[in-house]
C-alpha atoms as a PDB file:
ATOM      1  CA  UNK A   1       0.024   0.142   0.132  1.00  0.00           C
ATOM      2  CA  UNK A   2       1.787   3.571  -1.057  1.00  0.00           C
ATOM      3  CA  UNK A   3       2.514   5.683   1.809  1.00  0.00           C
ATOM      4  CA  UNK A   4      -0.481   7.950   1.964  1.00  0.00           C
ATOM      5  CA  UNK A   5      -1.080  10.991   4.119  1.00  0.00           C
ATOM      6  CA  UNK A   6      -4.282  12.202   5.363  1.00  0.00           C
ATOM      7  CA  UNK A   7      -5.052  15.575   3.958  1.00  0.00           C
ATOM      8  CA  UNK A   8      -7.450  17.693   5.941  1.00  0.00           C
ATOM      9  CA  UNK A   9     -10.524  18.988   4.522  1.00  0.00           C
ATOM     10  CA  UNK A  10     -12.117  22.541   5.730  1.00  0.00           C
ATOM     11  CA  UNK A  11     -15.444  22.530   5.784  1.00  0.00           C
ATOM     12  CA  UNK A  12     -17.234  25.891   5.288  1.00  0.00           C
ATOM     13  CA  UNK A  13     -20.470  26.731   6.984  1.00  0.00           C
ATOM     14  CA  UNK A  14     -22.996  28.882   5.105  1.00  0.00           C
ATOM     15  CA  UNK A  15     -25.372  30.994   7.699  1.00  0.00           C
ATOM     16  CA  UNK A  16     -29.058  30.796   6.088  1.00  0.00           C
ATOM     17  CA  UNK A  17     -30.404  33.885   5.535  1.00  0.00           C
ATOM     18  CA  UNK A  18     -28.965  37.464   4.171  1.00  0.00           C
ATOM     19  CA  UNK A  19     -25.808  38.508   5.364  1.00  0.00           C
ATOM     20  CA  UNK A  20     -25.522  42.492   6.022  1.00  0.00           C
ATOM     21  CA  UNK A  21     -23.168  44.550   4.146  1.00  0.00           C
ATOM     22  CA  UNK A  22     -20.485  46.193   5.932  1.00  0.00           C
ATOM     23  CA  UNK A  23     -20.946  49.446   7.559  1.00  0.00           C
ATOM     24  CA  UNK A  24     -18.913  52.000   6.191  1.00  0.00           C
ATOM     25  CA  UNK A  25     -16.980  51.751   9.479  1.00  0.00           C
ATOM     26  CA  UNK A  26     -16.220  48.237   9.253  1.00  0.00           C
ATOM     27  CA  UNK A  27     -13.211  46.561   7.444  1.00  0.00           C
ATOM     28  CA  UNK A  28     -12.830  43.167   6.178  1.00  0.00           C
ATOM     29  CA  UNK A  29     -10.735  41.188   8.334  1.00  0.00           C
ATOM     30  CA  UNK A  30      -7.317  41.057   7.336  1.00  0.00           C
ATOM     31  CA  UNK A  31      -5.741  38.433   4.962  1.00  0.00           C
ATOM     32  CA  UNK A  32      -3.867  35.587   6.929  1.00  0.00           C
ATOM     33  CA  UNK A  33      -0.321  35.843   6.955  1.00  0.00           C
ATOM     34  CA  UNK A  34       1.224  33.868   4.186  1.00  0.00           C
ATOM     35  CA  UNK A  35       2.529  30.270   5.904  1.00  0.00           C
ATOM     36  CA  UNK A  36       6.354  29.872   5.817  1.00  0.00           C
ATOM     37  CA  UNK A  37       8.422  26.902   3.748  1.00  0.00           C
ATOM     38  CA  UNK A  38      11.987  26.561   3.872  1.00  0.00           C
ATOM     39  CA  UNK A  39      13.479  24.797   0.606  1.00  0.00           C
ATOM     40  CA  UNK A  40      16.935  23.948  -0.139  1.00  0.00           C
ATOM     41  CA  UNK A  41      18.127  23.112  -3.632  1.00  0.00           C
ATOM     42  CA  UNK A  42      20.615  20.279  -3.407  1.00  0.00           C
ATOM     43  CA  UNK A  43      23.160  22.322  -4.912  1.00  0.00           C
ATOM     44  CA  UNK A  44      24.006  25.581  -6.742  1.00  0.00           C
ATOM     45  CA  UNK A  45      21.493  27.851  -8.547  1.00  0.00           C
ATOM     46  CA  UNK A  46      21.277  26.193 -12.511  1.00  0.00           C
ATOM     47  CA  UNK A  47      18.368  24.877 -14.380  1.00  0.00           C
ATOM     48  CA  UNK A  48      17.481  21.218 -13.134  1.00  0.00           C
ATOM     49  CA  UNK A  49      14.431  21.521 -13.024  1.00  0.00           C
ATOM     50  CA  UNK A  50      12.941  20.985  -9.540  1.00  0.00           C
ATOM     51  CA  UNK A  51      15.073  24.313  -8.848  1.00  0.00           C
ATOM     52  CA  UNK A  52      13.517  25.749 -12.028  1.00  0.00           C
ATOM     53  CA  UNK A  53      10.281  25.214 -10.348  1.00  0.00           C
ATOM     54  CA  UNK A  54      10.557  26.713  -7.476  1.00  0.00           C
ATOM     55  CA  UNK A  55      12.109  29.884  -9.091  1.00  0.00           C
ATOM     56  CA  UNK A  56       9.677  30.148 -11.577  1.00  0.00           C
ATOM     57  CA  UNK A  57       6.786  29.909  -8.872  1.00  0.00           C
ATOM     58  CA  UNK A  58       8.567  32.557  -6.906  1.00  0.00           C
ATOM     59  CA  UNK A  59       8.795  34.885  -9.866  1.00  0.00           C
ATOM     60  CA  UNK A  60       5.524  34.814 -10.729  1.00  0.00           C
ATOM     61  CA  UNK A  61       3.660  34.704  -7.487  1.00  0.00           C
ATOM     62  CA  UNK A  62       2.390  31.167  -7.877  1.00  0.00           C
ATOM     63  CA  UNK A  63       3.871  30.657  -4.301  1.00  0.00           C
ATOM     64  CA  UNK A  64       1.984  33.685  -2.719  1.00  0.00           C
ATOM     65  CA  UNK A  65      -1.340  32.674  -4.825  1.00  0.00           C
ATOM     66  CA  UNK A  66      -0.839  29.478  -2.875  1.00  0.00           C
ATOM     67  CA  UNK A  67      -0.805  31.468   0.555  1.00  0.00           C
ATOM     68  CA  UNK A  68       2.880  30.773   1.143  1.00  0.00           C
ATOM     69  CA  UNK A  69       6.047  32.804   1.447  1.00  0.00           C
ATOM     70  CA  UNK A  70       8.786  30.422   0.568  1.00  0.00           C
ATOM     71  CA  UNK A  71      12.222  30.794   1.157  1.00  0.00           C
ATOM     72  CA  UNK A  72      14.569  29.567  -0.796  1.00  0.00           C
ATOM     73  CA  UNK A  73      18.559  28.305  -0.143  1.00  0.00           C
ATOM     74  CA  UNK A  74      21.050  26.468  -2.059  1.00  0.00           C
ATOM     75  CA  UNK A  75      23.394  23.551  -1.082  1.00  0.00           C
ATOM     76  CA  UNK A  76      26.884  23.949  -1.260  1.00  0.00           C
ATOM     77  CA  UNK A  77      27.377  20.471  -2.521  1.00  0.00           C
ATOM     78  CA  UNK A  78      28.468  19.194   0.895  1.00  0.00           C
ATOM     79  CA  UNK A  79      24.880  17.323   1.820  1.00  0.00           C
ATOM     80  CA  UNK A  80      23.902  19.614   4.048  1.00  0.00           C
ATOM     81  CA  UNK A  81      20.312  20.229   2.749  1.00  0.00           C
ATOM     82  CA  UNK A  82      19.668  16.386   4.235  1.00  0.00           C
ATOM     83  CA  UNK A  83      20.793  17.270   8.033  1.00  0.00           C
ATOM     84  CA  UNK A  84      18.969  20.495   7.571  1.00  0.00           C
ATOM     85  CA  UNK A  85      15.651  18.542   6.141  1.00  0.00           C
ATOM     86  CA  UNK A  86      15.948  16.100   9.201  1.00  0.00           C
ATOM     87  CA  UNK A  87      16.396  19.061  11.669  1.00  0.00           C
ATOM     88  CA  UNK A  88      13.258  21.078  10.341  1.00  0.00           C
ATOM     89  CA  UNK A  89      15.493  23.901   9.172  1.00  0.00           C
ATOM     90  CA  UNK A  90      14.338  22.674   5.537  1.00  0.00           C
ATOM     91  CA  UNK A  91      10.534  21.581   4.754  1.00  0.00           C
ATOM     92  CA  UNK A  92      11.396  20.491   1.166  1.00  0.00           C
ATOM     93  CA  UNK A  93      14.423  19.733  -0.519  1.00  0.00           C
ATOM     94  CA  UNK A  94      15.784  17.919  -4.039  1.00  0.00           C
ATOM     95  CA  UNK A  95      17.121  14.288  -4.156  1.00  0.00           C
ATOM     96  CA  UNK A  96      17.602  12.035  -6.677  1.00  0.00           C
ATOM     97  CA  UNK A  97      15.768   8.792  -6.761  1.00  0.00           C
ATOM     98  CA  UNK A  98      19.125   6.598  -6.065  1.00  0.00           C
ATOM     99  CA  UNK A  99      19.509   9.110  -2.915  1.00  0.00           C
ATOM    100  CA  UNK A 100      15.857   8.620  -1.640  1.00  0.00           C
ATOM    101  CA  UNK A 101      16.011   4.552  -1.779  1.00  0.00           C
ATOM    102  CA  UNK A 102      19.682   4.629  -0.024  1.00  0.00           C
ATOM    103  CA  UNK A 103      18.645   6.963   2.519  1.00  0.00           C
ATOM    104  CA  UNK A 104      15.572   4.743   2.798  1.00  0.00           C
ATOM    105  CA  UNK A 105      17.666   1.630   3.293  1.00  0.00           C
ATOM    106  CA  UNK A 106      19.856   3.384   5.972  1.00  0.00           C
ATOM    107  CA  UNK A 107      16.754   4.090   8.236  1.00  0.00           C
ATOM    108  CA  UNK A 108      16.632   7.663   7.089  1.00  0.00           C
ATOM    109  CA  UNK A 109      12.657   8.663   7.009  1.00  0.00           C
ATOM    110  CA  UNK A 110      12.719  10.744   3.792  1.00  0.00           C
ATOM    111  CA  UNK A 111       9.981  10.833   0.818  1.00  0.00           C
ATOM    112  CA  UNK A 112      10.205  11.570  -2.356  1.00  0.00           C
ATOM    113  CA  UNK A 113       6.935  13.499  -3.232  1.00  0.00           C
ATOM    114  CA  UNK A 114       7.540  14.099  -7.078  1.00  0.00           C
ATOM    115  CA  UNK A 115       9.828  12.587  -9.345  1.00  0.00           C
ATOM    116  CA  UNK A 116      11.129  15.114 -12.395  1.00  0.00           C
ATOM    117  CA  UNK A 117      13.779  12.734 -13.398  1.00  0.00           C
ATOM    118  CA  UNK A 118      12.405  10.468 -15.259  1.00  0.00           C
ATOM    119  CA  UNK A 119      15.324   8.396 -16.480  1.00  0.00           C
ATOM    120  CA  UNK A 120      18.790   8.210 -14.678  1.00  0.00           C
ATOM    121  CA  UNK A 121      20.770  11.826 -14.550  1.00  0.00           C
ATOM    122  CA  UNK A 122      24.012   9.699 -15.843  1.00  0.00           C
ATOM    123  CA  UNK A 123      25.244   8.750 -18.861  1.00  0.00           C
ATOM    124  CA  UNK A 124      28.614   8.039 -20.351  1.00  0.00           C
ATOM    125  CA  UNK A 125      29.821   9.929 -23.112  1.00  0.00           C
ATOM    126  CA  UNK A 126      32.501   9.608 -25.684  1.00  0.00           C
ATOM    127  CA  UNK A 127      33.551  11.837 -28.705  1.00  0.00           C
ATOM    128  CA  UNK A 128      31.545  12.295 -31.572  1.00  0.00           C
ATOM    129  CA  UNK A 129      34.262  11.156 -33.823  1.00  0.00           C
ATOM    130  CA  UNK A 130      35.111   7.985 -31.362  1.00  0.00           C
ATOM    131  CA  UNK A 131      35.558   4.286 -33.154  1.00  0.00           C
ATOM    132  CA  UNK A 132      33.156   3.222 -29.692  1.00  0.00           C
ATOM    133  CA  UNK A 133      30.137   2.160 -31.131  1.00  0.00           C
ATOM    134  CA  UNK A 134      29.172  -0.159 -28.370  1.00  0.00           C
ATOM    135  CA  UNK A 135      29.280  -0.846 -24.679  1.00  0.00           C
ATOM    136  CA  UNK A 136      31.479  -4.245 -25.510  1.00  0.00           C
ATOM    137  CA  UNK A 137      34.045  -1.069 -26.955  1.00  0.00           C
ATOM    138  CA  UNK A 138      34.641  -0.231 -23.549  1.00  0.00           C
ATOM    139  CA  UNK A 139      36.868  -3.162 -23.475  1.00  0.00           C
ATOM    140  CA  UNK A 140      40.475  -2.316 -23.564  1.00  0.00           C
ATOM    141  CA  UNK A 141      39.565   1.230 -23.029  1.00  0.00           C
ATOM    142  CA  UNK A 142      40.120   3.965 -20.634  1.00  0.00           C
ATOM    143  CA  UNK A 143      36.907   4.454 -18.960  1.00  0.00           C
ATOM    144  CA  UNK A 144      36.126   7.362 -16.080  1.00  0.00           C
ATOM    145  CA  UNK A 145      34.420   7.266 -12.908  1.00  0.00           C
ATOM    146  CA  UNK A 146      33.566  10.299 -10.777  1.00  0.00           C
ATOM    147  CA  UNK A 147      34.177   9.326  -7.189  1.00  0.00           C
ATOM    148  CA  UNK A 148      33.837   5.085  -7.846  1.00  0.00           C
ATOM    149  CA  UNK A 149      32.059   3.020 -10.352  1.00  0.00           C
ATOM    150  CA  UNK A 150      28.722   3.714  -9.787  1.00  0.00           C
ATOM    151  CA  UNK A 151      25.618   1.129  -9.761  1.00  0.00           C
ATOM    152  CA  UNK A 152      24.138   2.049 -13.337  1.00  0.00           C
ATOM    153  CA  UNK A 153      27.770   1.546 -14.683  1.00  0.00           C
ATOM    154  CA  UNK A 154      28.097  -1.997 -13.458  1.00  0.00           C
ATOM    155  CA  UNK A 155      24.411  -2.762 -14.422  1.00  0.00           C
ATOM    156  CA  UNK A 156      24.942  -1.461 -17.771  1.00  0.00           C
ATOM    157  CA  UNK A 157      28.062  -3.615 -18.468  1.00  0.00           C
ATOM    158  CA  UNK A 158      26.389  -6.852 -17.136  1.00  0.00           C
ATOM    159  CA  UNK A 159      23.300  -6.042 -19.311  1.00  0.00           C
ATOM    160  CA  UNK A 160      25.562  -5.845 -22.293  1.00  0.00           C
ATOM    161  CA  UNK A 161      27.837  -8.650 -21.323  1.00  0.00           C
ATOM    162  CA  UNK A 162      30.533  -6.967 -20.722  1.00  0.00           C
ATOM    163  CA  UNK A 163      34.083  -8.311 -19.417  1.00  0.00           C
ATOM    164  CA  UNK A 164      34.849  -5.968 -16.744  1.00  0.00           C
ATOM    165  CA  UNK A 165      38.350  -6.814 -16.197  1.00  0.00           C
ATOM    166  CA  UNK A 166      39.229  -5.515 -19.697  1.00  0.00           C
ATOM    167  CA  UNK A 167      38.164  -2.437 -18.843  1.00  0.00           C
ATOM    168  CA  UNK A 168      40.912   0.481 -17.898  1.00  0.00           C
ATOM    169  CA  UNK A 169      38.645   2.242 -15.027  1.00  0.00           C
ATOM    170  CA  UNK A 170      40.531   5.564 -14.122  1.00  0.00           C
ATOM    171  CA  UNK A 171      39.595   8.426 -11.088  1.00  0.00           C
ATOM    172  CA  UNK A 172      38.260  11.496 -13.447  1.00  0.00           C
ATOM    173  CA  UNK A 173      36.210  13.716 -10.597  1.00  0.00           C
ATOM    174  CA  UNK A 174      34.179  16.661 -12.479  1.00  0.00           C
ATOM    175  CA  UNK A 175      36.456  17.441 -15.343  1.00  0.00           C
ATOM    176  CA  UNK A 176      34.630  16.970 -18.866  1.00  0.00           C
ATOM    177  CA  UNK A 177      38.000  18.547 -20.318  1.00  0.00           C
ATOM    178  CA  UNK A 178      39.744  15.390 -19.772  1.00  0.00           C
ATOM    179  CA  UNK A 179      37.519  13.618 -22.683  1.00  0.00           C
ATOM    180  CA  UNK A 180      38.088  16.447 -24.595  1.00  0.00           C
ATOM    181  CA  UNK A 181      41.877  16.147 -24.542  1.00  0.00           C
ATOM    182  CA  UNK A 182      41.357  12.358 -25.348  1.00  0.00           C
ATOM    183  CA  UNK A 183      42.742  11.356 -21.338  1.00  0.00           C
ATOM    184  CA  UNK A 184      39.862   9.036 -21.054  1.00  0.00           C
ATOM    185  CA  UNK A 185      37.622   7.516 -23.819  1.00  0.00           C
ATOM    186  CA  UNK A 186      34.695   7.330 -21.859  1.00  0.00           C
ATOM    187  CA  UNK A 187      33.500   9.750 -19.558  1.00  0.00           C
ATOM    188  CA  UNK A 188      30.572   9.739 -16.681  1.00  0.00           C
ATOM    189  CA  UNK A 189      28.418  12.858 -17.545  1.00  0.00           C
ATOM    190  CA  UNK A 190      25.137  14.577 -16.015  1.00  0.00           C
ATOM    191  CA  UNK A 191      23.532  14.282 -19.239  1.00  0.00           C
ATOM    192  CA  UNK A 192      22.068  17.787 -18.840  1.00  0.00           C
ATOM    193  CA  UNK A 193      25.297  19.633 -18.126  1.00  0.00           C
ATOM    194  CA  UNK A 194      28.381  18.398 -19.314  1.00  0.00           C
ATOM    195  CA  UNK A 195      27.692  17.212 -22.758  1.00  0.00           C
ATOM    196  CA  UNK A 196      26.540  21.151 -23.607  1.00  0.00           C
ATOM    197  CA  UNK A 197      29.961  21.607 -21.655  1.00  0.00           C
ATOM    198  CA  UNK A 198      31.931  20.015 -24.283  1.00  0.00           C
ATOM    199  CA  UNK A 199      29.704  20.962 -27.081  1.00  0.00           C
ATOM    200  CA  UNK A 200      30.564  24.192 -26.189  1.00  0.00           C
ATOM    201  CA  UNK A 201      34.462  23.289 -25.799  1.00  0.00           C
ATOM    202  CA  UNK A 202      34.048  22.126 -29.396  1.00  0.00           C
ATOM    203  CA  UNK A 203      33.821  18.460 -28.616  1.00  0.00           C
ATOM    204  CA  UNK A 204      30.562  16.710 -29.722  1.00  0.00           C
ATOM    205  CA  UNK A 205      29.686  13.805 -28.181  1.00  0.00           C
ATOM    206  CA  UNK A 206      27.777  10.455 -28.118  1.00  0.00           C
ATOM    207  CA  UNK A 207      25.637   9.236 -24.995  1.00  0.00           C
ATOM    208  CA  UNK A 208      25.576   5.796 -23.811  1.00  0.00           C
ATOM    209  CA  UNK A 209      22.539   6.112 -21.260  1.00  0.00           C
ATOM    210  CA  UNK A 210      21.627   2.889 -18.868  1.00  0.00           C
ATOM    211  CA  UNK A 211      18.432   2.941 -19.987  1.00  0.00           C
ATOM    212  CA  UNK A 212      19.159   2.043 -23.413  1.00  0.00           C
ATOM    213  CA  UNK A 213      20.512  -1.328 -22.385  1.00  0.00           C
ATOM    214  CA  UNK A 214      17.106  -1.722 -19.819  1.00  0.00           C
ATOM    215  CA  UNK A 215      18.737  -0.676 -16.833  1.00  0.00           C
ATOM    216  CA  UNK A 216      16.284   1.417 -14.581  1.00  0.00           C
ATOM    217  CA  UNK A 217      16.807   4.444 -13.193  1.00  0.00           C
ATOM    218  CA  UNK A 218      15.357   8.076 -11.848  1.00  0.00           C
ATOM    219  CA  UNK A 219      16.606  11.657 -11.751  1.00  0.00           C
ATOM    220  CA  UNK A 220      15.961  14.108  -9.306  1.00  0.00           C
ATOM    221  CA  UNK A 221      12.905  14.507  -6.889  1.00  0.00           C
ATOM    222  CA  UNK A 222      11.223  16.955  -4.421  1.00  0.00           C
ATOM    223  CA  UNK A 223      11.718  15.284  -1.005  1.00  0.00           C
ATOM    224  CA  UNK A 224      10.819  15.854   2.298  1.00  0.00           C
ATOM    225  CA  UNK A 225      10.882  14.443   5.812  1.00  0.00           C
ATOM    226  CA  UNK A 226       7.949  11.815   6.737  1.00  0.00           C
ATOM    227  CA  UNK A 227       7.186  13.480  10.142  1.00  0.00           C
ATOM    228  CA  UNK A 228       6.001  16.855   8.058  1.00  0.00           C
ATOM    229  CA  UNK A 229       3.949  14.547   5.659  1.00  0.00           C
ATOM    230  CA  UNK A 230       2.042  13.134   8.213  1.00  0.00           C
ATOM    231  CA  UNK A 231       1.774  16.168  10.418  1.00  0.00           C
ATOM    232  CA  UNK A 232       1.251  19.193   7.925  1.00  0.00           C
ATOM    233  CA  UNK A 233       0.532  17.737   4.367  1.00  0.00           C
ATOM    234  CA  UNK A 234      -1.560  21.260   3.606  1.00  0.00           C
ATOM    235  CA  UNK A 235       1.962  23.402   3.670  1.00  0.00           C
ATOM    236  CA  UNK A 236       3.513  20.433   1.488  1.00  0.00           C
ATOM    237  CA  UNK A 237       0.507  20.319  -1.216  1.00  0.00           C
ATOM    238  CA  UNK A 238       0.468  24.089  -1.394  1.00  0.00           C
ATOM    239  CA  UNK A 239       4.064  23.960  -1.989  1.00  0.00           C
ATOM    240  CA  UNK A 240       3.632  21.635  -4.816  1.00  0.00           C
ATOM    241  CA  UNK A 241       0.768  22.779  -6.377  1.00  0.00           C
ATOM    242  CA  UNK A 242       2.641  26.477  -7.037  1.00  0.00           C
ATOM    243  CA  UNK A 243       6.175  24.445  -8.068  1.00  0.00           C
ATOM    244  CA  UNK A 244       4.345  21.952 -10.234  1.00  0.00           C
ATOM    245  CA  UNK A 245       2.507  24.797 -12.109  1.00  0.00           C
ATOM    246  CA  UNK A 246       6.236  26.357 -12.008  1.00  0.00           C
ATOM    247  CA  UNK A 247       7.370  22.906 -14.012  1.00  0.00           C
ATOM    248  CA  UNK A 248       4.155  23.668 -16.605  1.00  0.00           C
ATOM    249  CA  UNK A 249       5.020  27.138 -17.077  1.00  0.00           C
ATOM    250  CA  UNK A 250       8.926  26.580 -17.892  1.00  0.00           C
ATOM    251  CA  UNK A 251       7.621  23.488 -20.155  1.00  0.00           C
ATOM    252  CA  UNK A 252       5.479  25.611 -22.353  1.00  0.00           C
ATOM    253  CA  UNK A 253       7.743  28.919 -21.694  1.00  0.00           C
ATOM    254  CA  UNK A 254      11.656  27.790 -21.415  1.00  0.00           C
ATOM    255  CA  UNK A 255      12.753  30.900 -22.558  1.00  0.00           C
ATOM    256  CA  UNK A 256      11.130  32.933 -20.066  1.00  0.00           C
ATOM    257  CA  UNK A 257      11.924  30.092 -17.577  1.00  0.00           C
ATOM    258  CA  UNK A 258      15.396  30.617 -18.273  1.00  0.00           C
ATOM    259  CA  UNK A 259      15.544  34.491 -17.801  1.00  0.00           C
ATOM    260  CA  UNK A 260      14.159  33.270 -14.262  1.00  0.00           C
ATOM    261  CA  UNK A 261      17.026  31.023 -13.653  1.00  0.00           C
ATOM    262  CA  UNK A 262      19.250  33.667 -14.547  1.00  0.00           C
ATOM    263  CA  UNK A 263      17.664  36.202 -11.510  1.00  0.00           C
ATOM    264  CA  UNK A 264      19.354  33.484  -9.556  1.00  0.00           C
ATOM    265  CA  UNK A 265      22.519  32.526 -11.216  1.00  0.00           C
ATOM    266  CA  UNK A 266      23.589  36.007 -13.152  1.00  0.00           C
ATOM    267  CA  UNK A 267      27.369  34.203 -13.104  1.00  0.00           C
ATOM    268  CA  UNK A 268      26.266  31.463 -15.484  1.00  0.00           C
ATOM    269  CA  UNK A 269      25.798  31.130 -19.097  1.00  0.00           C
ATOM    270  CA  UNK A 270      22.407  31.752 -20.229  1.00  0.00           C
ATOM    271  CA  UNK A 271      22.726  29.817 -23.473  1.00  0.00           C
ATOM    272  CA  UNK A 272      24.390  26.865 -20.986  1.00  0.00           C
ATOM    273  CA  UNK A 273      21.063  27.306 -18.608  1.00  0.00           C
ATOM    274  CA  UNK A 274      18.860  26.991 -21.662  1.00  0.00           C
ATOM    275  CA  UNK A 275      20.362  23.992 -23.244  1.00  0.00           C
ATOM    276  CA  UNK A 276      20.421  22.250 -19.351  1.00  0.00           C
ATOM    277  CA  UNK A 277      16.677  22.801 -19.388  1.00  0.00           C
ATOM    278  CA  UNK A 278      15.475  21.501 -22.846  1.00  0.00           C
ATOM    279  CA  UNK A 279      17.382  18.398 -21.554  1.00  0.00           C
ATOM    280  CA  UNK A 280      15.707  18.422 -18.439  1.00  0.00           C
ATOM    281  CA  UNK A 281      12.335  18.924 -19.656  1.00  0.00           C
ATOM    282  CA  UNK A 282      12.938  15.839 -21.798  1.00  0.00           C
ATOM    283  CA  UNK A 283      14.088  13.879 -18.808  1.00  0.00           C
ATOM    284  CA  UNK A 284      10.846  14.355 -16.996  1.00  0.00           C
ATOM    285  CA  UNK A 285       8.870  12.468 -19.333  1.00  0.00           C
ATOM    286  CA  UNK A 286       7.740   8.971 -18.624  1.00  0.00           C
ATOM    287  CA  UNK A 287       5.409   6.331 -18.361  1.00  0.00           C
ATOM    288  CA  UNK A 288       2.609   8.467 -16.436  1.00  0.00           C
ATOM    289  CA  UNK A 289       2.880  11.382 -17.286  1.00  0.00           C
ATOM    290  CA  UNK A 290       0.980  11.444 -20.294  1.00  0.00           C
ATOM    291  CA  UNK A 291      -2.090  10.705 -18.554  1.00  0.00           C
ATOM    292  CA  UNK A 292      -1.494  11.442 -14.847  1.00  0.00           C
ATOM    293  CA  UNK A 293       0.893  14.906 -15.378  1.00  0.00           C
ATOM    294  CA  UNK A 294       4.341  15.467 -14.932  1.00  0.00           C
ATOM    295  CA  UNK A 295       5.739  14.173 -11.074  1.00  0.00           C
ATOM    296  CA  UNK A 296       4.114  10.857 -11.588  1.00  0.00           C
ATOM    297  CA  UNK A 297       6.123   7.612 -10.933  1.00  0.00           C
ATOM    298  CA  UNK A 298       4.736   4.036 -10.728  1.00  0.00           C
ATOM    299  CA  UNK A 299       5.413   1.886  -7.953  1.00  0.00           C
ATOM    300  CA  UNK A 300       6.621  -0.607 -10.598  1.00  0.00           C
ATOM    301  CA  UNK A 301       9.666   2.013 -11.454  1.00  0.00           C
ATOM    302  CA  UNK A 302      10.709   2.421  -8.385  1.00  0.00           C
ATOM    303  CA  UNK A 303      10.610  -1.499  -7.525  1.00  0.00           C
ATOM    304  CA  UNK A 304      12.809  -1.933 -10.655  1.00  0.00           C
ATOM    305  CA  UNK A 305      15.191   0.885  -9.742  1.00  0.00           C
ATOM    306  CA  UNK A 306      15.379  -0.277  -6.593  1.00  0.00           C
ATOM    307  CA  UNK A 307      16.079  -3.908  -7.328  1.00  0.00           C
ATOM    308  CA  UNK A 308      18.942  -2.794  -9.828  1.00  0.00           C
ATOM    309  CA  UNK A 309      20.600  -0.874  -7.247  1.00  0.00           C
ATOM    310  CA  UNK A 310      20.441  -3.293  -4.609  1.00  0.00           C
ATOM    311  CA  UNK A 311      22.106  -6.021  -7.212  1.00  0.00           C
ATOM    312  CA  UNK A 312      25.124  -3.574  -8.035  1.00  0.00           C
ATOM    313  CA  UNK A 313      25.758  -2.209  -4.512  1.00  0.00           C
ATOM    314  CA  UNK A 314      23.955   0.674  -4.799  1.00  0.00           C
ATOM    315  CA  UNK A 315      21.985   0.210  -1.215  1.00  0.00           C
ATOM    316  CA  UNK A 316      22.932  -1.458   2.105  1.00  0.00           C
ATOM    317  CA  UNK A 317      19.571  -3.217   2.306  1.00  0.00           C
ATOM    318  CA  UNK A 318      16.579  -3.865   1.008  1.00  0.00           C
ATOM    319  CA  UNK A 319      13.559  -1.124   1.602  1.00  0.00           C
ATOM    320  CA  UNK A 320      10.424  -0.542   1.272  1.00  0.00           C
ATOM    321  CA  UNK A 321       9.747   1.486  -2.134  1.00  0.00           C
ATOM    322  CA  UNK A 322       6.094   2.191  -1.410  1.00  0.00           C
ATOM    323  CA  UNK A 323       7.500   4.085   1.941  1.00  0.00           C
ATOM    324  CA  UNK A 324       9.733   5.983  -0.124  1.00  0.00           C
ATOM    325  CA  UNK A 325       7.889   8.075  -2.183  1.00  0.00           C
ATOM    326  CA  UNK A 326       4.235   9.170  -2.344  1.00  0.00           C
ATOM    327  CA  UNK A 327       1.583  10.333  -5.098  1.00  0.00           C
ATOM    328  CA  UNK A 328      -1.011  11.379  -3.140  1.00  0.00           C
ATOM    329  CA  UNK A 329      -0.442  15.014  -2.889  1.00  0.00           C
ATOM    330  CA  UNK A 330       0.202  14.775  -6.531  1.00  0.00           C
ATOM    331  CA  UNK A 331      -2.945  13.399  -7.214  1.00  0.00           C
ATOM    332  CA  UNK A 332      -4.927  16.170  -4.887  1.00  0.00           C
ATOM    333  CA  UNK A 333      -3.772  19.134  -7.461  1.00  0.00           C
ATOM    334  CA  UNK A 334      -3.828  17.288 -10.567  1.00  0.00           C
ATOM    335  CA  UNK A 335      -6.792  16.686 -12.974  1.00  0.00           C
ATOM    336  CA  UNK A 336      -6.340  14.878 -16.269  1.00  0.00           C
ATOM    337  CA  UNK A 337      -2.753  15.577 -16.516  1.00  0.00           C
ATOM    338  CA  UNK A 338      -2.371  18.726 -15.344  1.00  0.00           C
ATOM    339  CA  UNK A 339      -2.192  20.807 -12.347  1.00  0.00           C
ATOM    340  CA  UNK A 340      -5.612  22.475 -11.300  1.00  0.00           C
ATOM    341  CA  UNK A 341      -4.339  26.246 -10.868  1.00  0.00           C
ATOM    342  CA  UNK A 342      -5.487  27.782  -9.082  1.00  0.00           C
END
């Protein structure tokens, strides 16, 4: 049974009879103060789709229309957003699907409330002019890894029947120029970011994606803590409604959305951010998005991803995927595949 948070219903009592008009000396009751929600993106300001959703919702007044004051912050890349989420200083953050599952497997009570990356955000790049045409061609080549060989990489080798012992694996960190200079033959990339960086360096690439050989994956999500989902679903529903409306705006108006991104990331290259957004929007399309709307992912998607991670060392142990994610809030805000607005 999926993780279901009860959404409270506000009952409005109508008093029979006519309601007299206010006398000139009377004033309407003051508007309720907006509710405060703290959002922390999992990395620096840039055009990752969950970040864009929040930037757009803030800039276009969607949060305000939902009675929210959303404070936006960014993590440094050191993982502090998870610590602050669990402490209660942050209410919503971002995390990849494998991070959500890994935390649940460790007993950390986090929950994904929307999946904006419907496939693995990682891929493996070769130069467009490389004679590497298949994963089998990785044998005998220099193949890079960022921190350690990732579970999706190991799953790809297994799916393609590649002899890993014949691959020369080398650490490459986060410098895609190593592919441009020929230091490595295969470079691990975040699909929405580094391929465009390499293109701008004059090095077009071809990508090997995990999904191309049947390896399941899920990318970036909105993540909250389980306790807040149980005690204040209304706060999270308001946030998600505005943010997902922001995603729809970005999909329909990518250039305007990129302009908004640049307000948060003025030091970044606008064309690179626009290219990132285009890929992120493509990655947001999955099996359920056409029928149910953006952000939905099925039990089967989560379970297949979980099983692959578990088989290739991505999880410390099994976990219940139905406790790791919920689509309850999405169902409350969507109809016929679109966010009901306002």
